[in-house]
Amino acid sequence: MKLNSYVNIPLPTLKRLPIYLGLLKECEEKGEEWISASYLAAKLGLKSIQVRKDLSCTGVVGKPKKGFLLKELMDAISFYMGEGHQPDILLVGVGNLGKALLSDRRLTRHGYKIVAAFDVDPGLIGTDVAEHKILSMDKLGDLISRMGIKLAILTVPEKEAQSIANQLVEAGIKGIWNFSSLFLDLPTNVTVINEDLGSRLALLAGQVTHGAEREGSLSASKLGSVSFHK
């Protein structure tokens, strides 16, 4: 199998690859050896032609009437997602959402590890949350520099998001998963994924209220809505 360079893969396709991989892992656990584009399309509320186009970027070629060899396709997608050599991550903001993410084993399933968590609350600093000792913000810059961390999860109130994001970038962070509702104003060499839970719930409510077509409903529920800023 010849793997294509991931830099040539369109951003919308890159956003769907983790979702494909999750479904492929479920099929592997069931003992499946082959998977078809039509099966993936039906499960995710996509058109088969879109799935085939996405998977063609991996360099894996399917066989007529059989589909794709499951293990080969999983290996190719894992390659583009960086599985096996993911960078360490830190989290800032250990409120209810931050605590939930620290405890979420789904990140671990994909090989990601939150190595440090920070907060400004004196009542939290020094305590343990999901096996993470909560650190003071004054240790942020030194830890990022010492460990070479490039990714951060931001789960702080909107009024604090920009200033903390600035601190992260100044310390060397290159990618932020932003759970605040604020659109961050950062240098163009910093990549931000905005995870606006309120907007996603509004999308779901709108589809239910206005009777969205089945395909649209499946796409929203399975694929979600994530905005990228770079």
Foldseek 3Di string as FASTA:
>chain_A
DDFADLVPQDPVLLLCLVLVLVVLVVVVVVVDFFDALVVVCVQQLHDSVVSVVSQVNGVFDADPPGHGGSVVSNVSSLVSVVQPHDFEEEEEDCDPVNLCVLQDCVCVVSPYYHQAYEYCDPVQQQDDRNNHHYHYPVCVLVVCVVRVGAEYEYDDEPVCVQVVVVVCVVSHHQEYAYAYPDDYDDDQSHKYKYDDPVVLVVVQVVCVVVVPDPSVNSNCVSSNDIDMGD
